[in-house]
Amino acid sequence: MNDFMNKVQDFMRGRNGADELSLACIELMVILAIINIFANNLVISLLMLALLAYAIFRVVSTDINQRRKESMAFAEFAGPVRPFITNPVAAVKDARAYKHATCPNCHQKVRVPRGKGHIRITCPRCKQKFDSKS
């Protein structure tokens, strides 16, 4: 068993490995598999195979810079949506009560209460003051 693990480690050296985008592809594939149990659709099956192939391609790819660019683009796309996927009830309650302002200096996200009009916010990280509408 130890010899096998050494061979796997040697094979994966210099490769991308599992990242957030490849795991998201696999999670989407599992969701489609559950849907396909009831729908039994060829298009869904082909989409599942394509997602699996893309996830495996990303894991074993040696072009780390290109995979990093793709992963950053996915993180930028999925960032605002992530709270609604992980905990939708809390995200909706938070969105009703608070607004998220971004510091222009350090890009720290600051949660401010809604309905206060124009307010002056002090960034907790860099202490810069900036104006925003809540």
Protein backbone atom coordinates (compact mmCIF):
# COMPACT_ATOMS: atom_id res chain seq x y z
CA MET A 1 0.00 0.00 0.00
CA ASN A 2 2.82 2.37 0.85
CA ASP A 3 4.46 1.74 -2.54
CA PHE A 4 1.19 2.60 -4.31
CA MET A 5 0.84 5.87 -2.38
CA ASN A 6 4.42 6.82 -3.27
CA LYS A 7 3.64 6.23 -6.95
CA VAL A 8 0.50 8.38 -6.70
CA GLN A 9 2.48 11.14 -4.99
CA ASP A 10 5.14 10.98 -7.70
CA PHE A 11 2.46 11.17 -10.40
CA MET A 12 0.74 14.17 -8.78
CA ARG A 13 3.97 16.11 -8.23
CA GLY A 14 3.86 19.26 -10.38
CA ARG A 15 0.16 18.91 -11.09
CA ASN A 16 -2.76 21.12 -10.12
CA GLY A 17 -4.62 18.76 -7.79
CA ALA A 18 -8.19 19.16 -6.59
CA ASP A 19 -9.23 22.78 -6.33
CA GLU A 20 -12.49 24.62 -5.71
CA LEU A 21 -13.62 24.53 -9.34
CA SER A 22 -12.96 20.82 -9.82
CA LEU A 23 -14.81 20.05 -6.57
CA ALA A 24 -17.72 22.25 -7.70
CA CYS A 25 -17.84 20.29 -10.98
CA ILE A 26 -18.00 17.02 -9.05
CA GLU A 27 -20.70 18.37 -6.71
CA LEU A 28 -22.76 19.53 -9.70
CA MET A 29 -22.26 16.12 -11.30
CA VAL A 30 -23.60 14.38 -8.16
CA ILE A 31 -26.65 16.68 -8.14
CA LEU A 32 -27.25 15.91 -11.82
CA ALA A 33 -26.88 12.18 -11.08
CA ILE A 34 -29.61 12.39 -8.46
CA ILE A 35 -31.84 14.28 -10.90
CA ASN A 36 -31.03 11.76 -13.62
CA ILE A 37 -32.22 8.89 -11.43
CA PHE A 38 -35.74 10.26 -11.85
CA ALA A 39 -35.44 11.93 -15.27
CA ASN A 40 -33.31 9.28 -17.04
CA ASN A 41 -32.23 11.74 -19.74
CA LEU A 42 -29.34 11.18 -22.16
CA VAL A 43 -28.42 14.90 -22.23
CA ILE A 44 -28.03 14.96 -18.45
CA SER A 45 -25.88 11.82 -18.62
CA LEU A 46 -23.62 13.38 -21.25
CA LEU A 47 -23.38 16.59 -19.21
CA MET A 48 -22.38 14.51 -16.18
CA LEU A 49 -19.63 12.78 -18.18
CA ALA A 50 -18.38 16.13 -19.49
CA LEU A 51 -18.24 17.56 -15.95
CA LEU A 52 -16.38 14.49 -14.69
CA ALA A 53 -13.89 14.66 -17.58
CA TYR A 54 -13.30 18.38 -16.96
CA ALA A 55 -12.80 17.82 -13.23
CA ILE A 56 -10.28 15.03 -13.87
CA PHE A 57 -8.54 17.17 -16.49
CA ARG A 58 -8.19 20.01 -13.96
CA VAL A 59 -6.84 17.68 -11.26
CA VAL A 60 -4.11 16.11 -13.41
CA SER A 61 -3.24 19.23 -15.44
CA THR A 62 0.36 20.43 -15.31
CA ASP A 63 -0.48 23.94 -16.60
CA ILE A 64 -0.92 25.37 -13.11
CA ASN A 65 -0.96 29.03 -14.18
CA GLN A 66 -3.88 28.54 -16.58
CA ARG A 67 -5.81 26.48 -13.99
CA ARG A 68 -5.16 29.23 -11.41
CA LYS A 69 -6.62 31.86 -13.77
CA GLU A 70 -9.70 29.70 -14.31
CA SER A 71 -10.02 29.13 -10.57
CA MET A 72 -9.77 32.87 -9.85
CA ALA A 73 -12.47 33.61 -12.44
CA PHE A 74 -14.69 30.98 -10.81
CA ALA A 75 -14.04 32.39 -7.34
CA GLU A 76 -14.95 35.89 -8.57
CA PHE A 77 -18.17 34.52 -10.07
CA ALA A 78 -19.11 32.31 -7.12
CA GLY A 79 -18.10 34.74 -4.37
CA PRO A 80 -21.35 36.73 -4.14
CA VAL A 81 -23.47 33.59 -4.58
CA ARG A 82 -21.68 31.42 -2.01
CA PRO A 83 -23.55 32.61 1.14
CA PHE A 84 -26.89 31.89 -0.54
CA ILE A 85 -25.75 28.34 -1.33
CA THR A 86 -24.14 27.47 2.00
CA ASN A 87 -26.78 28.98 4.32
CA PRO A 88 -29.67 30.55 2.39
CA VAL A 89 -31.81 31.45 5.41
CA ALA A 90 -29.02 33.40 7.12
CA ALA A 91 -28.00 35.04 3.83
CA VAL A 92 -31.52 36.33 3.18
CA LYS A 93 -31.88 37.62 6.75
CA ASP A 94 -28.45 39.27 6.47
CA ALA A 95 -29.27 40.83 3.09
CA ARG A 96 -32.45 42.38 4.48
CA ALA A 97 -30.82 43.91 7.54
CA TYR A 98 -27.30 44.79 6.36
CA LYS A 99 -25.45 46.14 3.35
CA HIS A 100 -21.88 45.11 2.58
CA ALA A 101 -19.62 48.04 1.72
CA THR A 102 -16.08 47.56 0.40
CA CYS A 103 -13.16 49.65 1.63
CA PRO A 104 -11.57 51.47 -1.34
CA ASN A 105 -8.11 51.18 0.22
CA CYS A 106 -7.75 47.53 1.33
CA HIS A 107 -10.92 46.02 -0.23
CA GLN A 108 -12.12 44.69 3.13
CA LYS A 109 -15.87 44.04 3.18
CA VAL A 110 -17.62 45.89 5.99
CA ARG A 111 -21.17 45.07 7.11
CA VAL A 112 -23.27 48.19 7.80
CA PRO A 113 -26.94 48.44 8.81
CA ARG A 114 -29.45 49.28 6.08
CA GLY A 115 -31.70 52.32 6.12
CA LYS A 116 -29.34 54.87 7.71
CA GLY A 117 -28.83 56.98 4.56
CA HIS A 118 -25.37 58.33 3.73
CA ILE A 119 -22.92 57.24 6.42
CA ARG A 120 -19.20 57.53 7.10
CA ILE A 121 -17.58 54.12 7.61
CA THR A 122 -14.24 53.42 9.29
CA CYS A 123 -12.54 50.32 7.92
CA PRO A 124 -11.66 47.92 10.76
CA ARG A 125 -8.54 46.71 8.95
CA CYS A 126 -6.80 49.86 7.67
CA LYS A 127 -8.75 52.53 9.66
CA GLN A 128 -9.46 54.60 6.54
CA LYS A 129 -12.74 56.50 6.57
CA PHE A 130 -14.99 56.41 3.50
CA ASP A 131 -18.57 57.40 2.69
CA SER A 132 -21.25 54.99 1.59
CA LYS A 133 -25.01 54.76 1.33
CA SER A 134 -26.68 52.18 3.52
